[in-house]
Amino acid sequence: MAVRTAVIPAAGMGTRFLPATRAIPKELLPIYDTPAIQFVIDEAAAAGMQRVVIVTSRAKPSIEKYAASASTDKVAVSVVYQDSPLGLGHAISCARDAVAGEPFAVMLPDEIMGDSSLIKELVKLYEKTSKSSIGLKKVPPTEVSSYGNVGTSDTSSENVVTINRIIEKPKPAEVVSDLVIIGRYVLAPNIFDHLAAIRPSSNGELQLTDALALLAVESQLLGIVSDITRYDTGTPMGLLRAVIEIALGRKDIGPQLQTWLENKFRS
C-alpha cells in the first residue's frame, strides 16, 4: 500500500525556548525567514506525500492558523489535537482517525533534514517489505544516551538493518550499538494497536519507542542507516546552528552572511 500521509507531532509547549514560546510556538520559530515546520512540510511534499496531519494542542492556535494556509496543489495540510501532554506515542495515537488505516510517515519537526532522500528511502523500503522502517544514524558513544538506541540482528544490504531491540536513552552499561533513532519513520497501521498496548513510562508519558520495541520483538521493524544532513532544532543552540548553516547555503543571503562572518572573525 502506498504511503500518502505524513504526521507531524507539534503539541509540545517548547519550554526550552522560553520566553520566546510565550508568543510563538517553537515549530513556527524562523529559520532565517521560514518557519521551522515549513521545512518539514516541504520535505513531505517532496517525498510524494499527499497529506500532512499536524498533531497540535488547543493552547497553540497559531499552529492551526498556519496550517490553514499551508496547503498547496501538492499536499493538503490539516490538524488534529492532543488534548493532554502524554508523550510522543500518545500524540501519534491522536492521528489514528486521520490516517484512516493506511501506512504513514512520522516526521519530527525538531529535526530538519537537508533533503527528502531519507524519507523517500523509508517509504520505498516499507512499500517493498510492508514492515515499519525508521531512520538511524551512527553517533559517538558519548551521544548515544540522548537518543533511542537500537540493536540489530542482520544487515539486509549496505544500509538496511533488521532491528531486534530498542532502549530509550540508555545508561552507558545498557548501550547495545552506535546506532540511534533519528526523527523520520514510516509506520504500518498496526502501530496503533501496539501504542494501545503499552503502559506509560516513569514520567507518565506513552513512548513511541516502547511501541516500536514491540515491533522489533516481532521482527517487523527495519532501519535505514543514513548520513543525511540533519539539523537538531530542539534546543536554542541547535536552532541557532540551523539558522546559520541553512542561511549560508542560500544564494540570496549566503554570500552576504559569509562575508560578514569572515569580517567579524578577522577583526
C-alpha atoms as a PDB file:
ATOM      1  CA  MET A   1       0.000   0.000   0.000  1.00  0.00           C
ATOM      2  CA  ALA A   2       1.283   3.464  -0.883  1.00  0.00           C
ATOM      3  CA  VAL A   3       2.384   5.855   1.868  1.00  0.00           C
ATOM      4  CA  ARG A   4       0.373   9.031   1.285  1.00  0.00           C
ATOM      5  CA  THR A   5       0.205  10.717   4.699  1.00  0.00           C
ATOM      6  CA  ALA A   6       2.794  12.329   6.971  1.00  0.00           C
ATOM      7  CA  VAL A   7       2.104  13.040  10.644  1.00  0.00           C
ATOM      8  CA  ILE A   8       3.979  15.893  12.310  1.00  0.00           C
ATOM      9  CA  PRO A   9       3.685  15.912  16.131  1.00  0.00           C
ATOM     10  CA  ALA A  10       3.711  19.553  17.233  1.00  0.00           C
ATOM     11  CA  ALA A  11       1.825  19.728  20.525  1.00  0.00           C
ATOM     12  CA  GLY A  12       4.792  20.311  22.850  1.00  0.00           C
ATOM     13  CA  MET A  13       4.974  23.611  24.713  1.00  0.00           C
ATOM     14  CA  GLY A  14       8.611  24.400  23.892  1.00  0.00           C
ATOM     15  CA  THR A  15       9.748  25.234  27.416  1.00  0.00           C
ATOM     16  CA  ARG A  16      13.405  25.192  26.345  1.00  0.00           C
ATOM     17  CA  PHE A  17      12.680  28.251  24.213  1.00  0.00           C
ATOM     18  CA  LEU A  18      11.059  30.420  26.849  1.00  0.00           C
ATOM     19  CA  PRO A  19      10.351  33.306  26.854  1.00  0.00           C
ATOM     20  CA  ALA A  20      10.036  33.238  23.023  1.00  0.00           C
ATOM     21  CA  THR A  21       7.429  30.455  23.100  1.00  0.00           C
ATOM     22  CA  ARG A  22       5.089  32.585  25.193  1.00  0.00           C
ATOM     23  CA  ALA A  23       4.408  34.396  21.934  1.00  0.00           C
ATOM     24  CA  ILE A  24       5.087  31.858  19.192  1.00  0.00           C
ATOM     25  CA  PRO A  25       5.203  28.033  19.107  1.00  0.00           C
ATOM     26  CA  LYS A  26       8.690  26.610  18.674  1.00  0.00           C
ATOM     27  CA  GLU A  27       7.588  24.974  15.400  1.00  0.00           C
ATOM     28  CA  LEU A  28       6.976  28.434  13.955  1.00  0.00           C
ATOM     29  CA  LEU A  29      10.274  29.937  15.068  1.00  0.00           C
ATOM     30  CA  PRO A  30      12.023  31.111  11.899  1.00  0.00           C
ATOM     31  CA  ILE A  31      14.986  29.520  10.180  1.00  0.00           C
ATOM     32  CA  TYR A  32      16.081  32.878   8.748  1.00  0.00           C
ATOM     33  CA  ASP A  33      12.759  33.766   7.072  1.00  0.00           C
ATOM     34  CA  THR A  34      10.921  30.411   7.037  1.00  0.00           C
ATOM     35  CA  PRO A  35       9.039  28.798   9.956  1.00  0.00           C
ATOM     36  CA  ALA A  36      10.791  25.612  11.020  1.00  0.00           C
ATOM     37  CA  ILE A  37       7.734  23.435  10.420  1.00  0.00           C
ATOM     38  CA  GLN A  38       7.561  24.567   6.787  1.00  0.00           C
ATOM     39  CA  PHE A  39      10.814  22.737   6.063  1.00  0.00           C
ATOM     40  CA  VAL A  40       9.191  19.508   7.241  1.00  0.00           C
ATOM     41  CA  ILE A  41       6.007  20.125   5.240  1.00  0.00           C
ATOM     42  CA  ASP A  42       8.132  20.792   2.146  1.00  0.00           C
ATOM     43  CA  GLU A  43      10.131  17.612   2.784  1.00  0.00           C
ATOM     44  CA  ALA A  44       6.918  15.594   2.993  1.00  0.00           C
ATOM     45  CA  ALA A  45       5.625  17.087  -0.248  1.00  0.00           C
ATOM     46  CA  ALA A  46       8.954  16.416  -1.988  1.00  0.00           C
ATOM     47  CA  ALA A  47       8.691  12.774  -0.892  1.00  0.00           C
ATOM     48  CA  GLY A  48       5.297  12.460  -2.590  1.00  0.00           C
ATOM     49  CA  MET A  49       3.035  12.771   0.449  1.00  0.00           C
ATOM     50  CA  GLN A  50      -0.454  13.955  -0.426  1.00  0.00           C
ATOM     51  CA  ARG A  51      -1.493  14.845   3.116  1.00  0.00           C
ATOM     52  CA  VAL A  52       0.220  16.295   6.164  1.00  0.00           C
ATOM     53  CA  VAL A  53      -1.533  15.941   9.524  1.00  0.00           C
ATOM     54  CA  ILE A  54      -0.153  18.183  12.276  1.00  0.00           C
ATOM     55  CA  VAL A  55      -0.865  16.988  15.812  1.00  0.00           C
ATOM     56  CA  THR A  56      -1.108  20.138  17.904  1.00  0.00           C
ATOM     57  CA  SER A  57      -2.534  21.500  21.142  1.00  0.00           C
ATOM     58  CA  ARG A  58      -5.533  23.770  21.535  1.00  0.00           C
ATOM     59  CA  ALA A  59      -3.180  26.009  23.532  1.00  0.00           C
ATOM     60  CA  LYS A  60      -1.300  26.718  20.269  1.00  0.00           C
ATOM     61  CA  PRO A  61      -3.945  28.227  17.938  1.00  0.00           C
ATOM     62  CA  SER A  62      -1.297  29.792  15.727  1.00  0.00           C
ATOM     63  CA  ILE A  63      -0.323  26.289  14.517  1.00  0.00           C
ATOM     64  CA  GLU A  64      -3.877  25.752  13.296  1.00  0.00           C
ATOM     65  CA  LYS A  65      -3.866  29.194  11.701  1.00  0.00           C
ATOM     66  CA  TYR A  66      -0.599  28.448   9.922  1.00  0.00           C
ATOM     67  CA  ALA A  67      -1.855  25.048   8.733  1.00  0.00           C
ATOM     68  CA  ALA A  68      -4.961  26.671   7.271  1.00  0.00           C
ATOM     69  CA  SER A  69      -2.813  28.478   4.706  1.00  0.00           C
ATOM     70  CA  ALA A  70      -0.095  25.832   4.220  1.00  0.00           C
ATOM     71  CA  SER A  71      -1.857  23.541   1.741  1.00  0.00           C
ATOM     72  CA  THR A  72      -0.653  23.582  -1.863  1.00  0.00           C
ATOM     73  CA  ASP A  73      -1.593  21.832  -5.068  1.00  0.00           C
ATOM     74  CA  LYS A  74       0.783  19.034  -3.996  1.00  0.00           C
ATOM     75  CA  VAL A  75      -0.141  18.498  -0.345  1.00  0.00           C
ATOM     76  CA  ALA A  76      -3.161  19.118   1.894  1.00  0.00           C
ATOM     77  CA  VAL A  77      -2.319  20.228   5.441  1.00  0.00           C
ATOM     78  CA  SER A  78      -4.712  19.706   8.362  1.00  0.00           C
ATOM     79  CA  VAL A  79      -4.579  19.477  12.165  1.00  0.00           C
ATOM     80  CA  VAL A  80      -5.774  17.159  14.908  1.00  0.00           C
ATOM     81  CA  TYR A  81      -5.472  17.801  18.622  1.00  0.00           C
ATOM     82  CA  GLN A  82      -3.627  16.205  21.501  1.00  0.00           C
ATOM     83  CA  ASP A  83      -5.603  17.472  24.471  1.00  0.00           C
ATOM     84  CA  SER A  84      -3.208  16.144  27.139  1.00  0.00           C
ATOM     85  CA  PRO A  85       0.619  16.193  27.062  1.00  0.00           C
ATOM     86  CA  LEU A  86       1.054  12.432  27.348  1.00  0.00           C
ATOM     87  CA  GLY A  87       4.087  11.889  25.159  1.00  0.00           C
ATOM     88  CA  LEU A  88       5.042  11.223  21.557  1.00  0.00           C
ATOM     89  CA  GLY A  89       3.315   7.853  21.449  1.00  0.00           C
ATOM     90  CA  HIS A  90       0.063   9.427  22.588  1.00  0.00           C
ATOM     91  CA  ALA A  91       0.461  12.230  20.036  1.00  0.00           C
ATOM     92  CA  ILE A  92       0.759   9.686  17.227  1.00  0.00           C
ATOM     93  CA  SER A  93      -2.322   7.880  18.536  1.00  0.00           C
ATOM     94  CA  CYS A  94      -4.282  11.113  18.168  1.00  0.00           C
ATOM     95  CA  ALA A  95      -3.791  10.881  14.390  1.00  0.00           C
ATOM     96  CA  ARG A  96      -5.330   7.413  14.097  1.00  0.00           C
ATOM     97  CA  ASP A  97      -8.619   8.514  12.532  1.00  0.00           C
ATOM     98  CA  ALA A  98      -6.867  10.916  10.162  1.00  0.00           C
ATOM     99  CA  VAL A  99      -4.521   8.164   8.958  1.00  0.00           C
ATOM    100  CA  ALA A 100      -7.569   6.003   8.167  1.00  0.00           C
ATOM    101  CA  GLY A 101      -5.941   2.576   8.338  1.00  0.00           C
ATOM    102  CA  GLU A 102      -3.100   3.340   5.926  1.00  0.00           C
ATOM    103  CA  PRO A 103       0.682   3.275   6.431  1.00  0.00           C
ATOM    104  CA  PHE A 104       2.054   6.721   7.216  1.00  0.00           C
ATOM    105  CA  ALA A 105       5.204   8.696   7.861  1.00  0.00           C
ATOM    106  CA  VAL A 106       6.061  10.390  11.147  1.00  0.00           C
ATOM    107  CA  MET A 107       8.321  13.423  10.805  1.00  0.00           C
ATOM    108  CA  LEU A 108       9.524  15.145  13.965  1.00  0.00           C
ATOM    109  CA  PRO A 109       9.618  18.920  13.487  1.00  0.00           C
ATOM    110  CA  ASP A 110      12.603  19.356  15.826  1.00  0.00           C
ATOM    111  CA  GLU A 111      14.757  17.691  13.164  1.00  0.00           C
ATOM    112  CA  ILE A 112      15.229  19.395   9.808  1.00  0.00           C
ATOM    113  CA  MET A 113      16.815  17.253   7.123  1.00  0.00           C
ATOM    114  CA  GLY A 114      18.983  18.540   4.318  1.00  0.00           C
ATOM    115  CA  ASP A 115      16.677  16.978   1.733  1.00  0.00           C
ATOM    116  CA  SER A 116      13.894  14.408   1.344  1.00  0.00           C
ATOM    117  CA  SER A 117      16.131  11.443   0.471  1.00  0.00           C
ATOM    118  CA  LEU A 118      15.789   9.607   3.803  1.00  0.00           C
ATOM    119  CA  ILE A 119      12.007   9.714   3.983  1.00  0.00           C
ATOM    120  CA  LYS A 120      11.878   8.605   0.330  1.00  0.00           C
ATOM    121  CA  GLU A 121      14.117   5.631   1.158  1.00  0.00           C
ATOM    122  CA  LEU A 122      11.948   4.712   4.152  1.00  0.00           C
ATOM    123  CA  VAL A 123       8.791   4.852   2.025  1.00  0.00           C
ATOM    124  CA  LYS A 124      10.411   2.691  -0.645  1.00  0.00           C
ATOM    125  CA  LEU A 125      11.546   0.149   1.957  1.00  0.00           C
ATOM    126  CA  TYR A 126       8.083  -0.031   3.517  1.00  0.00           C
ATOM    127  CA  GLU A 127       6.380  -0.449   0.145  1.00  0.00           C
ATOM    128  CA  LYS A 128       8.797  -3.279  -0.671  1.00  0.00           C
ATOM    129  CA  THR A 129       8.571  -5.149   2.651  1.00  0.00           C
ATOM    130  CA  SER A 130       5.339  -3.971   4.376  1.00  0.00           C
ATOM    131  CA  LYS A 131       7.446  -3.591   7.535  1.00  0.00           C
ATOM    132  CA  SER A 132       7.715  -0.395   9.559  1.00  0.00           C
ATOM    133  CA  SER A 133      11.014   1.360   8.900  1.00  0.00           C
ATOM    134  CA  ILE A 134      12.858   4.072  10.804  1.00  0.00           C
ATOM    135  CA  GLY A 135      15.792   6.397  10.221  1.00  0.00           C
ATOM    136  CA  LEU A 136      19.058   5.645  12.031  1.00  0.00           C
ATOM    137  CA  LYS A 137      22.460   7.268  12.320  1.00  0.00           C
ATOM    138  CA  LYS A 138      25.798   6.326  13.828  1.00  0.00           C
ATOM    139  CA  VAL A 139      26.926   8.563  16.680  1.00  0.00           C
ATOM    140  CA  PRO A 140      29.906   8.692  19.058  1.00  0.00           C
ATOM    141  CA  PRO A 141      29.449   6.686  22.295  1.00  0.00           C
ATOM    142  CA  THR A 142      29.099   9.899  24.298  1.00  0.00           C
ATOM    143  CA  GLU A 143      25.944  10.845  22.364  1.00  0.00           C
ATOM    144  CA  VAL A 144      24.033   7.545  22.440  1.00  0.00           C
ATOM    145  CA  SER A 145      22.326   8.260  25.770  1.00  0.00           C
ATOM    146  CA  SER A 146      20.486  11.221  24.247  1.00  0.00           C
ATOM    147  CA  TYR A 147      18.553   9.032  21.798  1.00  0.00           C
ATOM    148  CA  GLY A 148      16.699   5.777  21.308  1.00  0.00           C
ATOM    149  CA  ASN A 149      19.420   3.149  20.857  1.00  0.00           C
ATOM    150  CA  VAL A 150      18.881   0.082  18.647  1.00  0.00           C
ATOM    151  CA  GLY A 151      20.325  -3.397  18.448  1.00  0.00           C
ATOM    152  CA  THR A 152      20.332  -5.214  15.119  1.00  0.00           C
ATOM    153  CA  SER A 153      20.260  -8.866  14.123  1.00  0.00           C
ATOM    154  CA  ASP A 154      21.336  -8.746  10.494  1.00  0.00           C
ATOM    155  CA  THR A 155      22.107  -6.475   7.592  1.00  0.00           C
ATOM    156  CA  SER A 156      19.874  -6.880   4.554  1.00  0.00           C
ATOM    157  CA  SER A 157      22.002  -4.526   2.462  1.00  0.00           C
ATOM    158  CA  GLU A 158      24.705  -1.944   2.944  1.00  0.00           C
ATOM    159  CA  ASN A 159      22.498   0.434   4.935  1.00  0.00           C
ATOM    160  CA  VAL A 160      19.336  -1.546   5.793  1.00  0.00           C
ATOM    161  CA  VAL A 161      19.238  -3.405   9.114  1.00  0.00           C
ATOM    162  CA  THR A 162      16.727  -5.532  10.994  1.00  0.00           C
ATOM    163  CA  ILE A 163      16.115  -4.114  14.462  1.00  0.00           C
ATOM    164  CA  ASN A 164      15.673  -6.539  17.351  1.00  0.00           C
ATOM    165  CA  ARG A 165      15.956  -4.236  20.357  1.00  0.00           C
ATOM    166  CA  ILE A 166      15.320  -0.609  21.315  1.00  0.00           C
ATOM    167  CA  ILE A 167      16.397   1.137  24.507  1.00  0.00           C
ATOM    168  CA  GLU A 168      15.274   4.717  25.080  1.00  0.00           C
ATOM    169  CA  LYS A 169      18.121   6.961  26.303  1.00  0.00           C
ATOM    170  CA  PRO A 170      20.224   4.086  27.674  1.00  0.00           C
ATOM    171  CA  LYS A 171      22.667   4.315  30.524  1.00  0.00           C
ATOM    172  CA  PRO A 172      26.270   3.586  29.479  1.00  0.00           C
ATOM    173  CA  ALA A 173      26.021  -0.056  30.592  1.00  0.00           C
ATOM    174  CA  GLU A 174      22.830  -0.519  28.538  1.00  0.00           C
ATOM    175  CA  VAL A 175      24.162   0.697  25.181  1.00  0.00           C
ATOM    176  CA  VAL A 176      23.789  -2.003  22.512  1.00  0.00           C
ATOM    177  CA  SER A 177      25.298  -0.278  19.453  1.00  0.00           C
ATOM    178  CA  ASP A 178      26.379   3.048  17.998  1.00  0.00           C
ATOM    179  CA  LEU A 179      23.069   3.349  16.103  1.00  0.00           C
ATOM    180  CA  VAL A 180      20.364   5.741  17.268  1.00  0.00           C
ATOM    181  CA  ILE A 181      16.925   6.700  16.014  1.00  0.00           C
ATOM    182  CA  ILE A 182      16.502   9.991  14.201  1.00  0.00           C
ATOM    183  CA  GLY A 183      13.160  11.669  13.640  1.00  0.00           C
ATOM    184  CA  ARG A 184      11.893  10.007  10.467  1.00  0.00           C
ATOM    185  CA  TYR A 185       9.657   6.941  10.493  1.00  0.00           C
ATOM    186  CA  VAL A 186       7.343   5.075   8.123  1.00  0.00           C
ATOM    187  CA  LEU A 187       4.895   3.008  10.143  1.00  0.00           C
ATOM    188  CA  ALA A 188       2.432   0.262   9.348  1.00  0.00           C
ATOM    189  CA  PRO A 189      -1.088   0.912  10.672  1.00  0.00           C
ATOM    190  CA  ASN A 190      -0.668  -1.854  13.278  1.00  0.00           C
ATOM    191  CA  ILE A 191       1.493   0.592  15.247  1.00  0.00           C
ATOM    192  CA  PHE A 192      -1.750   1.936  16.720  1.00  0.00           C
ATOM    193  CA  ASP A 193      -2.522  -1.453  18.301  1.00  0.00           C
ATOM    194  CA  HIS A 194       0.950  -1.511  19.831  1.00  0.00           C
ATOM    195  CA  LEU A 195       0.527   2.042  21.109  1.00  0.00           C
ATOM    196  CA  ALA A 196      -2.717   0.945  22.759  1.00  0.00           C
ATOM    197  CA  ALA A 197      -0.893  -1.959  24.426  1.00  0.00           C
ATOM    198  CA  ILE A 198       1.994  -0.108  26.043  1.00  0.00           C
ATOM    199  CA  ARG A 199       1.981   1.405  29.515  1.00  0.00           C
ATOM    200  CA  PRO A 200       3.109   4.909  30.471  1.00  0.00           C
ATOM    201  CA  SER A 201       6.776   5.326  31.304  1.00  0.00           C
ATOM    202  CA  SER A 202       8.019   6.613  34.649  1.00  0.00           C
ATOM    203  CA  ASN A 203       7.168  10.200  33.667  1.00  0.00           C
ATOM    204  CA  GLY A 204       3.584   9.271  32.814  1.00  0.00           C
ATOM    205  CA  GLU A 205       4.062   9.504  29.041  1.00  0.00           C
ATOM    206  CA  LEU A 206       3.440   6.956  26.301  1.00  0.00           C
ATOM    207  CA  GLN A 207       6.691   6.493  24.409  1.00  0.00           C
ATOM    208  CA  LEU A 208       6.709   5.713  20.699  1.00  0.00           C
ATOM    209  CA  THR A 209       9.918   3.739  21.225  1.00  0.00           C
ATOM    210  CA  ASP A 210       8.052   1.306  23.506  1.00  0.00           C
ATOM    211  CA  ALA A 211       5.619   0.526  20.694  1.00  0.00           C
ATOM    212  CA  LEU A 212       8.479   0.237  18.207  1.00  0.00           C
ATOM    213  CA  ALA A 213      10.184  -2.204  20.592  1.00  0.00           C
ATOM    214  CA  LEU A 214       7.143  -4.480  20.310  1.00  0.00           C
ATOM    215  CA  LEU A 215       7.501  -4.418  16.519  1.00  0.00           C
ATOM    216  CA  ALA A 216      11.185  -5.271  16.905  1.00  0.00           C
ATOM    217  CA  VAL A 217      10.342  -8.348  19.000  1.00  0.00           C
ATOM    218  CA  GLU A 218       8.040  -9.468  16.184  1.00  0.00           C
ATOM    219  CA  SER A 219      10.807  -8.932  13.577  1.00  0.00           C
ATOM    220  CA  GLN A 220       8.618  -6.279  11.959  1.00  0.00           C
ATOM    221  CA  LEU A 221      10.959  -3.298  12.232  1.00  0.00           C
ATOM    222  CA  LEU A 222      13.679  -2.264   9.805  1.00  0.00           C
ATOM    223  CA  GLY A 223      16.112   0.624   9.912  1.00  0.00           C
ATOM    224  CA  ILE A 224      17.987   2.647   7.330  1.00  0.00           C
ATOM    225  CA  VAL A 225      21.395   3.879   8.461  1.00  0.00           C
ATOM    226  CA  SER A 226      21.782   7.342   6.960  1.00  0.00           C
ATOM    227  CA  ASP A 227      24.386  10.080   6.845  1.00  0.00           C
ATOM    228  CA  ILE A 228      21.863  12.686   5.686  1.00  0.00           C
ATOM    229  CA  THR A 229      22.497  16.290   6.679  1.00  0.00           C
ATOM    230  CA  ARG A 230      20.418  16.870   9.793  1.00  0.00           C
ATOM    231  CA  TYR A 231      19.767  19.898  11.965  1.00  0.00           C
ATOM    232  CA  ASP A 232      18.571  19.289  15.526  1.00  0.00           C
ATOM    233  CA  THR A 233      16.483  22.345  16.374  1.00  0.00           C
ATOM    234  CA  GLY A 234      15.215  21.009  19.694  1.00  0.00           C
ATOM    235  CA  THR A 235      17.470  23.346  21.682  1.00  0.00           C
ATOM    236  CA  PRO A 236      18.203  27.073  21.267  1.00  0.00           C
ATOM    237  CA  MET A 237      21.811  26.352  20.261  1.00  0.00           C
ATOM    238  CA  GLY A 238      20.676  23.742  17.762  1.00  0.00           C
ATOM    239  CA  LEU A 239      18.195  26.203  16.277  1.00  0.00           C
ATOM    240  CA  LEU A 240      20.888  28.884  16.019  1.00  0.00           C
ATOM    241  CA  ARG A 241      23.239  26.496  14.230  1.00  0.00           C
ATOM    242  CA  ALA A 242      20.455  25.541  11.806  1.00  0.00           C
ATOM    243  CA  VAL A 243      19.708  29.190  11.043  1.00  0.00           C
ATOM    244  CA  ILE A 244      23.357  29.942  10.289  1.00  0.00           C
ATOM    245  CA  GLU A 245      24.096  26.821   8.244  1.00  0.00           C
ATOM    246  CA  ILE A 246      20.880  26.905   6.226  1.00  0.00           C
ATOM    247  CA  ALA A 247      21.259  30.638   5.564  1.00  0.00           C
ATOM    248  CA  LEU A 248      24.856  30.097   4.425  1.00  0.00           C
ATOM    249  CA  GLY A 249      23.578  27.606   1.859  1.00  0.00           C
ATOM    250  CA  ARG A 250      21.101  30.053   0.315  1.00  0.00           C
ATOM    251  CA  LYS A 251      22.033  32.011  -2.805  1.00  0.00           C
ATOM    252  CA  ASP A 252      20.106  35.122  -1.736  1.00  0.00           C
ATOM    253  CA  ILE A 253      21.699  35.616   1.680  1.00  0.00           C
ATOM    254  CA  GLY A 254      24.559  33.102   1.917  1.00  0.00           C
ATOM    255  CA  PRO A 255      27.318  35.173   0.281  1.00  0.00           C
ATOM    256  CA  GLN A 256      26.455  38.256   2.373  1.00  0.00           C
ATOM    257  CA  LEU A 257      26.409  36.213   5.567  1.00  0.00           C
ATOM    258  CA  GLN A 258      29.686  34.502   4.655  1.00  0.00           C
ATOM    259  CA  THR A 259      31.365  37.861   4.072  1.00  0.00           C
ATOM    260  CA  TRP A 260      30.005  39.270   7.331  1.00  0.00           C
ATOM    261  CA  LEU A 261      31.189  36.261   9.325  1.00  0.00           C
ATOM    262  CA  GLU A 262      34.652  36.389   7.771  1.00  0.00           C
ATOM    263  CA  ASN A 263      34.964  40.084   8.558  1.00  0.00           C
ATOM    264  CA  LYS A 264      33.589  39.555  12.054  1.00  0.00           C
ATOM    265  CA  PHE A 265      36.135  36.912  12.992  1.00  0.00           C
ATOM    266  CA  ARG A 266      39.003  38.555  11.153  1.00  0.00           C
ATOM    267  CA  SER A 267      38.722  41.687  13.277  1.00  0.00           C
END
